[in-house]
């Protein structure tokens, strides 16, 4: 996927996680989801984050290559476990959790556009769920649209289900129940 697609997917996953109550629904949290969605591509200078840190991306590119170690699900898993160990679940339910959701969404996106080493260090095989979707292709955008539709449906269900559970027949934008807890805070 290209950088813009990763950002959109990362934000959609962050919003869905916020609607479920796992992370805060704040600009900072959504910004961290967007940043997390770009971070795995630090291993290439051509990426949105790599071109801003060329010395780091060049070093990583030479040493590990693209879509290898930084695209492993072990990275967000280990960072999440470290967060729980050092700060408890509260730290994981902060903007750091949003970053990890964005990071994992990047890996999921790349699994359908050429694949990556998602199971490293257990396996050094490139895993690709749909090898026919190339970066920047119409198929990539189709995958993105379907993903956004599914995430949008889940988010809508989570928000409206909460309103029904609380006995209020409110719209998503109301300020009662979960909607109030999820109000954007700068």
N, C-alpha and C. Protein backbone atom coordinates (compact mmCIF):
# COMPACT_ATOMS: atom_id res chain seq x y z
N UNK A 1 0.85 -1.18 0.00
CA UNK A 1 0.00 0.00 0.00
C UNK A 1 0.89 1.24 0.00
N UNK A 2 0.36 2.32 -0.52
CA UNK A 2 1.11 3.56 -0.46
C UNK A 2 0.81 4.28 0.85
N UNK A 3 1.56 5.34 1.14
CA UNK A 3 1.44 6.03 2.42
C UNK A 3 0.05 6.54 2.71
N UNK A 4 -0.60 7.14 1.71
CA UNK A 4 -1.95 7.67 1.93
C UNK A 4 -2.93 6.55 2.31
N UNK A 5 -2.81 5.42 1.63
CA UNK A 5 -3.70 4.28 1.94
C UNK A 5 -3.44 3.78 3.35
N UNK A 6 -2.16 3.73 3.75
CA UNK A 6 -1.85 3.28 5.11
C UNK A 6 -2.44 4.24 6.15
N UNK A 7 -2.35 5.54 5.89
CA UNK A 7 -2.91 6.51 6.84
C UNK A 7 -4.42 6.33 6.97
N UNK A 8 -5.10 6.21 5.85
CA UNK A 8 -6.56 6.05 5.87
C UNK A 8 -6.94 4.78 6.62
N UNK A 9 -6.25 3.67 6.34
CA UNK A 9 -6.55 2.41 7.02
C UNK A 9 -6.23 2.51 8.51
N UNK A 10 -5.09 3.12 8.85
CA UNK A 10 -4.72 3.29 10.25
C UNK A 10 -5.73 4.13 11.02
N UNK A 11 -6.19 5.23 10.40
CA UNK A 11 -7.20 6.07 11.05
C UNK A 11 -8.51 5.32 11.22
N UNK A 12 -8.90 4.57 10.20
CA UNK A 12 -10.15 3.80 10.29
C UNK A 12 -10.07 2.77 11.41
N UNK A 13 -8.94 2.09 11.52
CA UNK A 13 -8.78 1.11 12.61
C UNK A 13 -8.74 1.81 13.97
N UNK A 14 -8.09 2.98 14.04
CA UNK A 14 -8.05 3.74 15.29
C UNK A 14 -9.43 4.21 15.71
N UNK A 15 -10.23 4.68 14.76
CA UNK A 15 -11.59 5.13 15.07
C UNK A 15 -12.44 3.96 15.53
N UNK A 16 -12.29 2.81 14.88
CA UNK A 16 -13.05 1.62 15.27
C UNK A 16 -12.67 1.19 16.69
N UNK A 17 -11.36 1.20 16.99
CA UNK A 17 -10.91 0.83 18.34
C UNK A 17 -11.42 1.83 19.37
N UNK A 18 -11.47 3.10 19.01
CA UNK A 18 -12.00 4.12 19.93
C UNK A 18 -13.50 3.92 20.15
N UNK A 19 -14.22 3.60 19.08
CA UNK A 19 -15.66 3.35 19.21
C UNK A 19 -15.93 2.16 20.12
N UNK A 20 -15.02 1.19 20.11
CA UNK A 20 -15.16 0.02 20.98
C UNK A 20 -14.71 0.32 22.41
N UNK A 21 -14.11 1.49 22.63
CA UNK A 21 -13.68 1.87 23.96
C UNK A 21 -12.28 1.41 24.33
N UNK A 22 -11.50 0.93 23.38
CA UNK A 22 -10.16 0.43 23.69
C UNK A 22 -9.12 1.53 23.82
N UNK A 23 -9.29 2.60 23.05
CA UNK A 23 -8.35 3.72 23.08
C UNK A 23 -9.16 5.02 23.10
N UNK A 24 -8.54 6.12 23.51
CA UNK A 24 -9.29 7.38 23.54
C UNK A 24 -9.62 7.88 22.13
N UNK A 25 -10.70 8.62 22.04
CA UNK A 25 -11.13 9.19 20.76
C UNK A 25 -10.71 10.65 20.76
N UNK A 26 -9.41 10.89 20.63
CA UNK A 26 -8.85 12.24 20.66
C UNK A 26 -8.03 12.47 19.41
N UNK A 27 -7.73 13.76 19.13
CA UNK A 27 -6.87 14.06 17.99
C UNK A 27 -5.49 13.45 18.19
N UNK A 28 -4.97 13.49 19.42
CA UNK A 28 -3.66 12.91 19.70
C UNK A 28 -3.66 11.41 19.42
N UNK A 29 -4.70 10.74 19.86
CA UNK A 29 -4.80 9.30 19.65
C UNK A 29 -4.89 8.95 18.17
N UNK A 30 -5.71 9.71 17.43
CA UNK A 30 -5.82 9.45 15.99
C UNK A 30 -4.52 9.80 15.27
N UNK A 31 -3.84 10.84 15.73
CA UNK A 31 -2.54 11.17 15.15
C UNK A 31 -1.53 10.05 15.36
N UNK A 32 -1.58 9.45 16.54
CA UNK A 32 -0.68 8.32 16.82
C UNK A 32 -1.03 7.10 15.96
N UNK A 33 -2.32 6.88 15.70
CA UNK A 33 -2.71 5.78 14.81
C UNK A 33 -2.17 6.03 13.41
N UNK A 34 -2.24 7.28 12.94
CA UNK A 34 -1.71 7.62 11.62
C UNK A 34 -0.19 7.44 11.59
N UNK A 35 0.50 7.90 12.64
CA UNK A 35 1.95 7.73 12.71
C UNK A 35 2.32 6.26 12.75
N UNK A 36 1.61 5.49 13.55
CA UNK A 36 1.87 4.05 13.61
C UNK A 36 1.66 3.37 12.28
N UNK A 37 0.69 3.86 11.50
CA UNK A 37 0.42 3.24 10.20
C UNK A 37 1.52 3.51 9.19
N UNK A 38 2.36 4.49 9.44
CA UNK A 38 3.47 4.79 8.53
C UNK A 38 4.81 4.22 9.00
N UNK A 39 4.94 3.96 10.28
CA UNK A 39 6.22 3.59 10.88
C UNK A 39 6.87 2.33 10.30
N UNK A 40 6.16 1.26 9.99
CA UNK A 40 6.86 0.08 9.45
C UNK A 40 7.66 0.37 8.18
N UNK A 41 7.28 1.38 7.42
CA UNK A 41 8.01 1.71 6.20
C UNK A 41 9.24 2.57 6.45
N UNK A 42 9.69 2.67 7.69
CA UNK A 42 10.92 3.37 8.00
C UNK A 42 12.11 2.67 7.34
N UNK A 43 11.89 1.44 6.87
CA UNK A 43 12.96 0.66 6.24
C UNK A 43 13.15 0.97 4.75
N UNK A 44 12.53 2.02 4.25
CA UNK A 44 12.75 2.43 2.86
C UNK A 44 12.73 3.95 2.76
N UNK A 45 13.68 4.51 2.03
CA UNK A 45 13.78 5.96 1.86
C UNK A 45 12.63 6.55 1.06
N UNK A 46 11.96 5.74 0.28
CA UNK A 46 10.88 6.25 -0.57
C UNK A 46 9.57 6.44 0.19
N UNK A 47 9.51 6.02 1.43
CA UNK A 47 8.26 6.12 2.19
C UNK A 47 8.07 7.52 2.77
N UNK A 48 6.86 7.80 3.23
CA UNK A 48 6.55 9.11 3.82
C UNK A 48 7.39 9.37 5.07
N UNK A 49 7.61 8.35 5.87
CA UNK A 49 8.40 8.53 7.09
C UNK A 49 9.89 8.35 6.79
N UNK A 50 10.24 7.47 5.87
CA UNK A 50 11.64 7.23 5.53
C UNK A 50 12.33 8.42 4.90
N UNK A 51 11.61 9.18 4.08
CA UNK A 51 12.24 10.34 3.44
C UNK A 51 12.47 11.47 4.44
N UNK A 52 11.82 11.42 5.59
CA UNK A 52 12.04 12.43 6.63
C UNK A 52 13.17 12.03 7.58
N UNK A 53 13.53 10.77 7.58
CA UNK A 53 14.65 10.26 8.38
C UNK A 53 15.56 9.43 7.48
N UNK A 54 16.17 10.05 6.47
CA UNK A 54 16.92 9.27 5.47
C UNK A 54 18.09 8.49 6.04
N UNK A 55 18.77 9.03 7.05
CA UNK A 55 19.91 8.33 7.62
C UNK A 55 19.47 7.02 8.26
N UNK A 56 18.32 7.02 8.91
CA UNK A 56 17.81 5.80 9.54
C UNK A 56 17.25 4.83 8.50
N UNK A 57 16.48 5.35 7.57
CA UNK A 57 15.87 4.46 6.57
C UNK A 57 16.93 3.83 5.67
N UNK A 58 17.99 4.58 5.33
CA UNK A 58 19.08 4.00 4.52
C UNK A 58 19.77 2.87 5.27
N UNK A 59 20.03 3.10 6.55
CA UNK A 59 20.70 2.08 7.37
C UNK A 59 19.83 0.83 7.48
N UNK A 60 18.56 1.01 7.77
CA UNK A 60 17.66 -0.14 7.89
C UNK A 60 17.50 -0.86 6.55
N UNK A 61 17.40 -0.11 5.48
CA UNK A 61 17.23 -0.71 4.16
C UNK A 61 18.43 -1.60 3.80
N UNK A 62 19.63 -1.10 4.10
CA UNK A 62 20.84 -1.89 3.80
C UNK A 62 20.94 -3.13 4.70
N UNK A 63 20.57 -2.99 5.95
CA UNK A 63 20.76 -4.09 6.90
C UNK A 63 19.66 -5.14 6.88
N UNK A 64 18.41 -4.71 6.71
CA UNK A 64 17.32 -5.68 6.81
C UNK A 64 16.43 -5.75 5.58
N UNK A 65 16.46 -4.75 4.71
CA UNK A 65 15.60 -4.75 3.53
C UNK A 65 14.20 -4.26 3.86
N UNK A 66 13.38 -4.17 2.82
CA UNK A 66 12.02 -3.65 2.97
C UNK A 66 11.02 -4.78 3.19
N UNK A 67 10.02 -4.51 4.01
CA UNK A 67 8.95 -5.45 4.36
C UNK A 67 9.48 -6.73 5.02
N UNK A 68 10.46 -6.56 5.87
CA UNK A 68 11.01 -7.72 6.59
C UNK A 68 10.73 -7.53 8.09
N UNK A 69 11.77 -7.27 8.87
CA UNK A 69 11.65 -7.21 10.33
C UNK A 69 10.65 -6.14 10.78
N UNK A 70 10.67 -4.96 10.18
CA UNK A 70 9.76 -3.90 10.63
C UNK A 70 8.31 -4.21 10.29
N UNK A 71 8.08 -5.19 9.44
CA UNK A 71 6.72 -5.58 9.05
C UNK A 71 6.28 -6.87 9.75
N UNK A 72 6.92 -7.20 10.86
CA UNK A 72 6.57 -8.39 11.63
C UNK A 72 5.54 -8.03 12.69
N UNK A 73 4.56 -8.89 12.87
CA UNK A 73 3.56 -8.69 13.93
C UNK A 73 4.19 -8.77 15.32
N UNK A 74 5.43 -9.31 15.39
CA UNK A 74 6.13 -9.37 16.66
C UNK A 74 6.43 -7.97 17.20
N UNK A 75 6.63 -6.99 16.32
CA UNK A 75 6.97 -5.63 16.77
C UNK A 75 5.83 -5.02 17.58
N UNK A 76 4.60 -4.90 17.05
CA UNK A 76 3.55 -4.32 17.89
C UNK A 76 3.20 -5.21 19.09
N UNK A 77 3.33 -6.53 18.94
CA UNK A 77 3.05 -7.43 20.06
C UNK A 77 4.04 -7.19 21.20
N UNK A 78 5.34 -7.14 20.88
CA UNK A 78 6.35 -6.93 21.91
C UNK A 78 6.25 -5.53 22.53
N UNK A 79 5.98 -4.52 21.70
CA UNK A 79 5.79 -3.17 22.24
C UNK A 79 4.57 -3.12 23.16
N UNK A 80 3.50 -3.82 22.80
CA UNK A 80 2.31 -3.87 23.64
C UNK A 80 2.58 -4.57 24.96
N UNK A 81 3.30 -5.68 24.90
CA UNK A 81 3.65 -6.40 26.13
C UNK A 81 4.55 -5.56 27.03
N UNK A 82 5.50 -4.83 26.42
CA UNK A 82 6.38 -3.94 27.20
C UNK A 82 5.56 -2.83 27.85
N UNK A 83 4.59 -2.29 27.13
CA UNK A 83 3.73 -1.23 27.68
C UNK A 83 2.95 -1.75 28.88
N UNK A 84 2.41 -2.95 28.76
CA UNK A 84 1.65 -3.54 29.87
C UNK A 84 2.57 -3.78 31.06
N UNK A 85 3.77 -4.29 30.80
CA UNK A 85 4.71 -4.59 31.87
C UNK A 85 5.13 -3.32 32.63
N UNK A 86 5.46 -2.27 31.89
CA UNK A 86 5.98 -1.07 32.52
C UNK A 86 4.91 -0.06 32.95
N UNK A 87 3.75 -0.09 32.31
CA UNK A 87 2.75 0.92 32.64
C UNK A 87 1.36 0.37 32.89
N UNK A 88 1.19 -0.93 32.77
CA UNK A 88 -0.12 -1.52 32.97
C UNK A 88 -1.03 -1.31 31.77
N UNK A 89 -2.24 -1.79 31.88
CA UNK A 89 -3.20 -1.69 30.78
C UNK A 89 -3.55 -0.25 30.46
N UNK A 90 -3.43 0.63 31.44
CA UNK A 90 -3.73 2.04 31.20
C UNK A 90 -2.86 2.63 30.11
N UNK A 91 -1.59 2.25 30.09
CA UNK A 91 -0.68 2.75 29.06
C UNK A 91 -1.07 2.22 27.69
N UNK A 92 -1.52 0.97 27.65
CA UNK A 92 -1.93 0.38 26.38
C UNK A 92 -3.24 1.00 25.88
N UNK A 93 -4.04 1.52 26.79
CA UNK A 93 -5.32 2.15 26.41
C UNK A 93 -5.15 3.65 26.14
N UNK A 94 -3.93 4.08 25.96
CA UNK A 94 -3.65 5.50 25.67
C UNK A 94 -3.32 5.66 24.19
N UNK A 95 -2.72 6.78 23.86
CA UNK A 95 -2.32 7.03 22.48
C UNK A 95 -1.31 5.99 22.01
N UNK A 96 -0.56 5.39 22.94
CA UNK A 96 0.37 4.33 22.55
C UNK A 96 -0.39 3.15 21.95
N UNK A 97 -1.52 2.81 22.53
CA UNK A 97 -2.35 1.75 21.96
C UNK A 97 -2.80 2.09 20.55
N UNK A 98 -3.13 3.35 20.32
CA UNK A 98 -3.52 3.79 18.97
C UNK A 98 -2.36 3.64 18.00
N UNK A 99 -1.15 3.96 18.46
CA UNK A 99 0.04 3.79 17.63
C UNK A 99 0.19 2.32 17.22
N UNK A 100 0.03 1.42 18.18
CA UNK A 100 0.18 -0.01 17.90
C UNK A 100 -0.92 -0.51 16.97
N UNK A 101 -2.12 0.02 17.10
CA UNK A 101 -3.21 -0.35 16.18
C UNK A 101 -2.87 0.11 14.77
N UNK A 102 -2.35 1.33 14.64
CA UNK A 102 -1.93 1.82 13.34
C UNK A 102 -0.82 0.98 12.75
N UNK A 103 0.14 0.59 13.60
CA UNK A 103 1.26 -0.25 13.16
C UNK A 103 0.74 -1.58 12.62
N UNK A 104 -0.14 -2.21 13.38
CA UNK A 104 -0.69 -3.51 12.96
C UNK A 104 -1.53 -3.36 11.69
N UNK A 105 -2.23 -2.23 11.54
CA UNK A 105 -3.02 -2.02 10.32
C UNK A 105 -2.13 -1.92 9.09
N UNK A 106 -0.94 -1.37 9.27
CA UNK A 106 0.02 -1.29 8.16
C UNK A 106 0.38 -2.70 7.68
N UNK A 107 0.68 -3.56 8.62
CA UNK A 107 1.06 -4.93 8.28
C UNK A 107 -0.11 -5.63 7.58
N UNK A 108 -1.31 -5.45 8.11
CA UNK A 108 -2.49 -6.06 7.47
C UNK A 108 -2.66 -5.55 6.05
N UNK A 109 -2.44 -4.26 5.84
CA UNK A 109 -2.55 -3.70 4.50
C UNK A 109 -1.52 -4.26 3.54
N UNK A 110 -0.30 -4.44 4.04
CA UNK A 110 0.76 -4.98 3.17
C UNK A 110 0.58 -6.46 2.89
N UNK A 111 -0.15 -7.16 3.74
CA UNK A 111 -0.41 -8.57 3.47
C UNK A 111 -1.23 -8.78 2.20
N UNK A 112 -1.97 -7.76 1.79
CA UNK A 112 -2.77 -7.90 0.57
C UNK A 112 -2.15 -7.18 -0.62
N UNK A 113 -1.00 -6.56 -0.44
CA UNK A 113 -0.32 -5.91 -1.57
C UNK A 113 1.13 -6.39 -1.64
N UNK A 114 1.31 -7.62 -2.01
CA UNK A 114 2.66 -8.15 -2.21
C UNK A 114 3.21 -8.95 -1.05
N UNK A 115 2.68 -8.75 0.13
CA UNK A 115 3.09 -9.56 1.28
C UNK A 115 4.24 -8.98 2.06
N UNK A 116 4.52 -9.60 3.20
CA UNK A 116 5.61 -9.18 4.08
C UNK A 116 5.96 -10.34 5.02
N UNK A 117 6.99 -10.13 5.81
CA UNK A 117 7.41 -11.14 6.78
C UNK A 117 6.59 -10.99 8.07
N UNK A 118 5.32 -11.18 8.03
CA UNK A 118 4.44 -10.93 9.17
C UNK A 118 4.73 -11.83 10.36
N UNK A 119 5.27 -13.01 10.12
CA UNK A 119 5.51 -13.96 11.22
C UNK A 119 6.98 -14.04 11.64
N UNK A 120 7.80 -13.11 11.20
CA UNK A 120 9.19 -13.08 11.63
C UNK A 120 9.22 -12.87 13.14
N UNK A 121 10.04 -13.53 13.92
CA UNK A 121 11.16 -14.41 13.61
C UNK A 121 10.80 -15.88 13.47
N UNK A 122 9.52 -16.22 13.58
CA UNK A 122 9.12 -17.63 13.43
C UNK A 122 9.30 -18.11 12.00
N UNK A 123 9.13 -17.22 11.05
CA UNK A 123 9.25 -17.58 9.64
C UNK A 123 9.83 -16.41 8.86
N UNK A 124 10.73 -16.73 7.94
CA UNK A 124 11.28 -15.70 7.05
C UNK A 124 10.64 -15.78 5.67
N UNK A 125 9.47 -16.36 5.62
CA UNK A 125 8.74 -16.43 4.35
C UNK A 125 7.83 -15.23 4.22
N UNK A 126 7.78 -14.69 3.02
CA UNK A 126 6.88 -13.58 2.73
C UNK A 126 5.46 -14.14 2.64
N UNK A 127 4.56 -13.58 3.42
CA UNK A 127 3.17 -14.01 3.41
C UNK A 127 2.36 -12.99 2.63
N UNK A 128 1.57 -13.47 1.69
CA UNK A 128 0.72 -12.58 0.90
C UNK A 128 -0.67 -13.19 0.81
N UNK A 129 -1.66 -12.45 1.27
CA UNK A 129 -3.03 -12.94 1.25
C UNK A 129 -3.69 -12.78 -0.11
N UNK A 130 -3.26 -11.78 -0.86
CA UNK A 130 -3.81 -11.55 -2.19
C UNK A 130 -2.70 -10.97 -3.06
N UNK A 131 -1.87 -11.84 -3.65
CA UNK A 131 -0.68 -11.37 -4.36
C UNK A 131 -0.98 -10.57 -5.62
N UNK A 132 -2.22 -10.50 -6.04
CA UNK A 132 -2.55 -9.81 -7.28
C UNK A 132 -2.79 -8.32 -7.09
N UNK A 133 -2.87 -7.86 -5.86
CA UNK A 133 -3.07 -6.43 -5.60
C UNK A 133 -1.71 -5.77 -5.44
N UNK A 134 -1.29 -5.03 -6.41
CA UNK A 134 -0.01 -4.33 -6.37
C UNK A 134 -0.19 -2.93 -5.79
N UNK A 135 0.88 -2.40 -5.22
CA UNK A 135 0.85 -1.06 -4.64
C UNK A 135 0.43 -0.04 -5.69
N UNK A 136 -0.55 0.78 -5.36
CA UNK A 136 -1.02 1.82 -6.26
C UNK A 136 -1.98 1.35 -7.33
N UNK A 137 -2.33 0.07 -7.32
CA UNK A 137 -3.21 -0.47 -8.36
C UNK A 137 -4.68 -0.27 -7.98
N UNK A 138 -5.54 -0.48 -8.95
CA UNK A 138 -6.98 -0.42 -8.71
C UNK A 138 -7.38 -1.45 -7.66
N UNK A 139 -6.75 -2.62 -7.69
CA UNK A 139 -7.06 -3.66 -6.70
C UNK A 139 -6.73 -3.20 -5.29
N UNK A 140 -5.61 -2.45 -5.13
CA UNK A 140 -5.28 -1.93 -3.80
C UNK A 140 -6.40 -1.02 -3.30
N UNK A 141 -6.88 -0.15 -4.16
CA UNK A 141 -7.94 0.77 -3.75
C UNK A 141 -9.25 0.03 -3.50
N UNK A 142 -9.50 -1.05 -4.22
CA UNK A 142 -10.69 -1.87 -3.96
C UNK A 142 -10.59 -2.50 -2.57
N UNK A 143 -9.41 -3.04 -2.24
CA UNK A 143 -9.20 -3.62 -0.92
C UNK A 143 -9.39 -2.55 0.15
N UNK A 144 -8.85 -1.36 -0.08
CA UNK A 144 -8.99 -0.27 0.88
C UNK A 144 -10.46 0.11 1.07
N UNK A 145 -11.20 0.23 -0.02
CA UNK A 145 -12.62 0.60 0.08
C UNK A 145 -13.43 -0.46 0.82
N UNK A 146 -13.19 -1.73 0.54
CA UNK A 146 -13.90 -2.80 1.24
C UNK A 146 -13.55 -2.77 2.72
N UNK A 147 -12.26 -2.59 3.04
CA UNK A 147 -11.83 -2.52 4.44
C UNK A 147 -12.49 -1.35 5.16
N UNK A 148 -12.51 -0.19 4.50
CA UNK A 148 -13.14 0.98 5.12
C UNK A 148 -14.63 0.76 5.32
N UNK A 149 -15.28 0.12 4.36
CA UNK A 149 -16.70 -0.18 4.50
C UNK A 149 -16.97 -1.09 5.68
N UNK A 150 -16.16 -2.12 5.83
CA UNK A 150 -16.32 -3.04 6.96
C UNK A 150 -16.06 -2.34 8.29
N UNK A 151 -14.97 -1.57 8.35
CA UNK A 151 -14.65 -0.85 9.59
C UNK A 151 -15.71 0.19 9.91
N UNK A 152 -16.23 0.86 8.89
CA UNK A 152 -17.30 1.83 9.10
C UNK A 152 -18.55 1.17 9.64
N UNK A 153 -18.89 0.01 9.10
CA UNK A 153 -20.05 -0.73 9.59
C UNK A 153 -19.88 -1.18 11.02
N UNK A 154 -18.70 -1.66 11.37
CA UNK A 154 -18.43 -2.08 12.75
C UNK A 154 -18.52 -0.88 13.69
N UNK A 155 -17.92 0.24 13.28
CA UNK A 155 -17.96 1.45 14.11
C UNK A 155 -19.39 1.92 14.32
N UNK A 156 -20.16 1.96 13.26
CA UNK A 156 -21.56 2.38 13.36
C UNK A 156 -22.32 1.45 14.32
N UNK A 157 -22.10 0.15 14.17
CA UNK A 157 -22.77 -0.82 15.05
C UNK A 157 -22.37 -0.59 16.51
N UNK A 158 -21.08 -0.40 16.76
CA UNK A 158 -20.63 -0.19 18.13
C UNK A 158 -21.27 1.05 18.75
N UNK A 159 -21.32 2.12 17.99
CA UNK A 159 -21.88 3.37 18.52
C UNK A 159 -23.39 3.28 18.72
N UNK A 160 -24.10 2.72 17.76
CA UNK A 160 -25.56 2.63 17.90
C UNK A 160 -25.96 1.56 18.89
N UNK A 161 -25.19 0.49 19.01
CA UNK A 161 -25.48 -0.57 19.99
C UNK A 161 -25.36 -0.01 21.40
N UNK A 162 -24.36 0.83 21.64
CA UNK A 162 -24.20 1.45 22.96
C UNK A 162 -25.40 2.31 23.29
N UNK A 163 -25.90 3.06 22.32
CA UNK A 163 -27.07 3.91 22.56
C UNK A 163 -28.30 3.06 22.87
N UNK A 164 -28.47 1.96 22.16
CA UNK A 164 -29.62 1.08 22.42
C UNK A 164 -29.49 0.42 23.79
N UNK A 165 -28.28 0.03 24.16
CA UNK A 165 -28.06 -0.62 25.46
C UNK A 165 -28.40 0.32 26.61
N UNK A 166 -28.09 1.61 26.43
CA UNK A 166 -28.34 2.56 27.51
C UNK A 166 -29.79 3.01 27.56
N UNK A 167 -30.61 2.54 26.61
CA UNK A 167 -32.02 2.89 26.61
C UNK A 167 -32.33 4.21 25.94
N UNK A 168 -31.32 4.84 25.40
CA UNK A 168 -31.52 6.11 24.71
C UNK A 168 -31.61 5.86 23.22
N UNK A 169 -32.55 6.47 22.59
CA UNK A 169 -32.62 6.41 21.13
C UNK A 169 -31.98 7.69 20.62
N UNK A 170 -30.66 7.66 20.58
CA UNK A 170 -29.91 8.86 20.24
C UNK A 170 -29.17 8.66 18.94
N UNK A 171 -28.79 9.75 18.35
CA UNK A 171 -27.97 9.67 17.14
C UNK A 171 -26.52 9.54 17.54
N UNK A 172 -25.68 9.21 16.59
CA UNK A 172 -24.26 9.02 16.87
C UNK A 172 -23.65 10.29 17.44
N UNK A 173 -24.07 11.43 16.97
CA UNK A 173 -23.47 12.69 17.41
C UNK A 173 -23.98 13.21 18.73
N UNK A 174 -24.82 12.47 19.43
CA UNK A 174 -25.37 12.96 20.69
C UNK A 174 -24.30 12.97 21.76
N UNK A 175 -24.62 13.59 22.88
CA UNK A 175 -23.65 13.69 23.96
C UNK A 175 -24.12 12.91 25.17
N UNK A 176 -24.53 11.67 24.95
CA UNK A 176 -24.90 10.83 26.08
C UNK A 176 -24.16 9.51 25.95
N UNK A 177 -24.00 8.84 27.05
CA UNK A 177 -23.37 7.53 27.04
C UNK A 177 -21.97 7.56 26.47
N UNK A 178 -21.69 6.58 25.66
CA UNK A 178 -20.36 6.42 25.09
C UNK A 178 -19.99 7.59 24.18
N UNK A 179 -20.96 8.17 23.49
CA UNK A 179 -20.66 9.29 22.59
C UNK A 179 -20.00 10.43 23.36
N UNK A 180 -20.43 10.69 24.60
CA UNK A 180 -19.82 11.75 25.40
C UNK A 180 -18.38 11.37 25.76
N UNK A 181 -18.16 10.11 26.10
CA UNK A 181 -16.81 9.68 26.47
C UNK A 181 -15.87 9.74 25.28
N UNK A 182 -16.44 9.68 24.08
CA UNK A 182 -15.60 9.65 22.89
C UNK A 182 -15.48 11.00 22.22
N UNK A 183 -15.94 12.06 22.86
CA UNK A 183 -15.87 13.39 22.25
C UNK A 183 -14.42 13.74 21.96
N UNK A 184 -14.19 14.41 20.86
CA UNK A 184 -12.82 14.78 20.49
C UNK A 184 -12.27 15.79 21.49
N UNK A 185 -11.11 15.47 22.02
CA UNK A 185 -10.41 16.35 22.94
C UNK A 185 -9.07 16.68 22.32
N UNK A 186 -8.76 17.91 22.22
CA UNK A 186 -7.49 18.32 21.59
C UNK A 186 -6.32 18.00 22.48
